[in-house]
Protein backbone atom coordinates (compact mmCIF):
# COMPACT_ATOMS: atom_id res chain seq x y z
CA MET A 1 -111.02 -84.94 12.87
CA ALA A 2 -112.42 -86.35 16.11
CA ASN A 3 -115.47 -84.77 17.63
CA ILE A 4 -114.26 -83.37 20.98
CA PRO A 5 -116.89 -81.77 23.21
CA LEU A 6 -116.29 -78.14 24.17
CA ASN A 7 -117.09 -78.82 27.86
CA PHE A 8 -116.81 -81.99 29.90
CA PHE A 9 -117.86 -82.27 33.56
CA LYS A 10 -116.03 -84.63 35.94
CA ARG A 11 -116.95 -85.69 39.45
CA MET A 12 -114.22 -87.47 41.41
CA ALA A 13 -113.67 -88.65 44.97
CA PHE A 14 -110.33 -89.33 46.65
CA SER A 15 -109.32 -90.78 50.00
CA LEU A 16 -106.54 -88.50 51.24
CA THR A 17 -103.34 -89.52 52.99
CA THR A 18 -100.47 -87.71 54.66
CA THR A 19 -98.48 -88.08 51.44
CA THR A 20 -98.71 -85.02 49.20
CA SER A 21 -100.26 -86.32 45.96
CA ALA A 22 -101.43 -84.96 42.62
CA VAL A 23 -105.04 -86.15 42.39
CA TYR A 24 -105.86 -84.43 39.09
CA ILE A 25 -103.75 -83.27 36.16
CA THR A 26 -105.37 -81.16 33.48
CA PRO A 27 -105.19 -82.97 30.12
CA PHE A 28 -103.51 -81.75 26.93
CA ASP A 29 -105.39 -78.89 25.18
CA ARG A 30 -107.78 -78.45 28.12
CA ALA A 31 -108.32 -76.06 30.98
CA GLY A 32 -109.78 -77.42 34.19
CA ILE A 33 -112.03 -75.33 36.40
CA VAL A 34 -112.54 -76.70 39.90
CA LEU A 35 -116.17 -75.85 40.64
CA ALA A 36 -116.47 -77.49 44.05
CA MET A 37 -114.22 -79.32 46.47
CA TYR A 38 -115.74 -80.76 49.65
CA ALA A 39 -113.62 -82.48 52.29
CA THR A 40 -115.49 -84.87 54.61
CA ASN A 41 -113.86 -86.02 57.85
CA LEU A 42 -114.80 -89.66 58.50
CA THR A 43 -113.27 -89.74 61.99
CA ASN A 44 -114.04 -88.25 65.41
CA ASN A 45 -110.69 -86.41 65.38
CA ASP A 46 -109.92 -82.97 63.99
CA VAL A 47 -107.89 -83.25 60.77
CA THR A 48 -106.18 -80.62 58.62
CA VAL A 49 -106.24 -80.55 54.81
CA SER A 50 -103.99 -78.71 52.38
CA VAL A 51 -104.75 -78.00 48.70
CA SER A 52 -102.26 -76.58 46.23
CA PHE A 53 -101.54 -76.55 42.53
CA SER A 54 -98.42 -76.60 40.40
CA GLY A 55 -97.65 -76.22 36.73
CA THR A 56 -96.11 -79.30 35.17
CA GLY A 57 -94.66 -80.31 31.84
CA ALA A 58 -95.65 -83.06 29.44
CA LEU A 59 -93.47 -85.43 31.44
CA PHE A 60 -95.10 -84.27 34.71
CA VAL A 61 -91.89 -82.61 35.88
CA PRO A 62 -92.79 -79.56 38.02
CA LYS A 63 -91.98 -76.33 36.22
CA LEU A 64 -93.74 -73.92 38.54
CA PRO A 65 -93.55 -73.83 42.33
CA GLN A 66 -96.30 -75.43 44.36
CA VAL A 67 -98.79 -72.69 45.26
CA PHE A 68 -101.11 -73.25 48.22
CA TYR A 69 -104.79 -72.54 47.76
CA ALA A 70 -105.73 -73.76 51.26
CA LYS A 71 -103.11 -74.73 53.85
CA ASP A 72 -103.82 -76.71 57.01
CA ILE A 73 -107.57 -76.07 56.98
CA LEU A 74 -109.04 -77.63 60.13
CA ILE A 75 -111.97 -79.99 59.57
CA ALA A 76 -113.74 -81.02 62.74
CA GLY A 77 -114.54 -84.67 63.40
CA ASN A 78 -117.52 -85.97 61.41
CA ASP A 79 -117.87 -82.66 59.53
CA THR A 80 -117.66 -81.46 55.92
CA THR A 81 -115.98 -78.30 54.68
CA ASN A 82 -116.15 -76.55 51.31
CA LEU A 83 -112.53 -75.88 50.34
CA THR A 84 -113.39 -73.77 47.28
CA PRO A 85 -115.40 -70.64 48.07
CA SER A 86 -114.31 -69.51 44.58
CA LYS A 87 -113.19 -71.33 41.44
CA ILE A 88 -109.67 -72.63 40.75
CA VAL A 89 -108.52 -72.44 37.13
CA LEU A 90 -105.95 -75.02 36.04
CA ASN A 91 -104.25 -74.81 32.67
CA GLN A 92 -102.95 -77.67 30.53
CA TYR A 93 -100.85 -80.08 32.64
CA ASP A 94 -101.42 -78.16 35.90
CA ALA A 95 -101.72 -80.53 38.85
CA LEU A 96 -104.16 -80.33 41.78
CA ILE A 97 -102.19 -81.45 44.84
CA VAL A 98 -103.69 -82.48 48.20
CA SER A 99 -102.76 -83.97 51.57
CA CYS A 100 -104.16 -84.29 55.08
CA SER A 101 -102.78 -84.78 58.58
CA GLN A 102 -104.22 -88.27 59.22
CA ASN A 103 -104.29 -91.18 56.76
CA ASN A 104 -107.65 -92.37 55.43
CA SER A 105 -109.62 -89.81 57.41
CA ILE A 106 -110.71 -87.43 54.63
CA ILE A 107 -112.76 -88.07 51.51
CA LEU A 108 -112.33 -85.26 48.98
CA ASN A 109 -115.23 -84.85 46.54
CA THR A 110 -114.51 -82.63 43.54
CA SER A 111 -116.44 -81.30 40.58
CA ILE A 112 -114.29 -80.15 37.66
CA LEU A 113 -115.29 -78.60 34.34
CA GLU A 114 -112.82 -79.36 31.56
CA THR A 115 -113.03 -77.09 28.55
CA LEU A 116 -111.09 -76.86 25.30
CA ASN A 117 -108.05 -74.64 25.66
CA THR A 118 -107.00 -74.14 22.04
CA VAL A 119 -106.47 -71.09 19.89
CA ALA A 120 -108.22 -71.14 16.52
C-alpha cells in the first residue's frame, strides 16, 4: 500500500479571465479546504470577481448546481482583497470556479489544505 500523507498543503496562483473556469478540482479520496484566497487587481480599473463551487462526477460532469460563494465582488484598481473570510470545504471532485469582469486583470492566490477523505 502506498504511503499517502494525511494532509497536503497547496499554494496556487491563477490569472483570471472573463470565462468561467474551474481552477481547482478536489482529487479522489480527498477533501479540499480553501484556507485563503486573495485576488490582486493588476490594473488601474475597478474589476469584479466571482467565486463559486459545484459538485462534479468522476467524468467532471456537473451533478450539483453552481453555488456562489462571492458574486461580483468589486476590487479597486491596484488593490488586493481577501475573498475568503471563512473556510470553504470542497469534497471529492468538487470544483472551485472563478471568473472576473476584465481579462488578465486579476491574479488569484489560493492556499488549499487537502486531507484524506476516506472511511476506515
